[in-house]
């Protein structure tokens, strides 16, 4: 069973020399290794 995730609904702040956007981008890349990650616009809530 593949996990499902949404890639554009997280928030964070700058830290460890990385901008918030860089952190979110990194997390999205990691999640895509083991989850079916989609944009929230294509997921019915």
Protein backbone atom coordinates (compact mmCIF):
# COMPACT_ATOMS: atom_id res chain seq x y z
CA UNK A 1 0.00 0.00 0.00
CA UNK A 2 1.42 3.38 -1.05
CA UNK A 3 1.13 6.23 1.44
CA UNK A 4 -0.53 9.40 0.21
CA UNK A 5 0.55 12.96 0.96
CA UNK A 6 -0.05 16.56 0.01
CA UNK A 7 3.00 18.60 -0.91
CA UNK A 8 1.70 22.15 -0.58
CA UNK A 9 0.11 22.23 2.87
CA UNK A 10 3.13 22.41 5.17
CA UNK A 11 4.64 25.39 6.87
CA UNK A 12 7.92 25.97 8.65
CA UNK A 13 10.43 28.73 9.27
CA UNK A 14 14.04 29.34 8.32
CA UNK A 15 16.57 27.36 10.29
CA UNK A 16 19.97 25.73 10.15
CA UNK A 17 21.11 27.98 7.33
CA UNK A 18 18.17 26.98 5.09
CA UNK A 19 15.18 29.08 4.08
CA UNK A 20 11.69 27.79 4.86
CA UNK A 21 11.16 27.16 1.12
CA UNK A 22 14.35 25.06 0.92
CA UNK A 23 13.25 22.98 3.92
CA UNK A 24 9.79 22.37 2.44
CA UNK A 25 11.29 21.45 -0.94
CA UNK A 26 13.63 18.98 0.76
CA UNK A 27 10.78 17.39 2.73
CA UNK A 28 8.72 17.03 -0.45
CA UNK A 29 11.61 15.22 -2.18
CA UNK A 30 12.01 12.84 0.76
CA UNK A 31 8.26 12.15 0.98
CA UNK A 32 8.11 11.33 -2.73
CA UNK A 33 10.47 8.40 -2.10
CA UNK A 34 7.78 6.46 -0.23
CA UNK A 35 4.47 8.29 -0.74
CA UNK A 36 2.22 9.36 -3.58
CA UNK A 37 2.51 13.13 -3.07
CA UNK A 38 0.05 15.39 -4.90
CA UNK A 39 -0.90 19.06 -5.03
CA UNK A 40 -3.87 19.91 -2.78
CA UNK A 41 -5.75 21.34 -5.79
CA UNK A 42 -6.24 17.81 -7.19
CA UNK A 43 -7.34 16.14 -3.95
CA UNK A 44 -11.03 16.25 -2.97
CA UNK A 45 -11.48 17.20 0.67
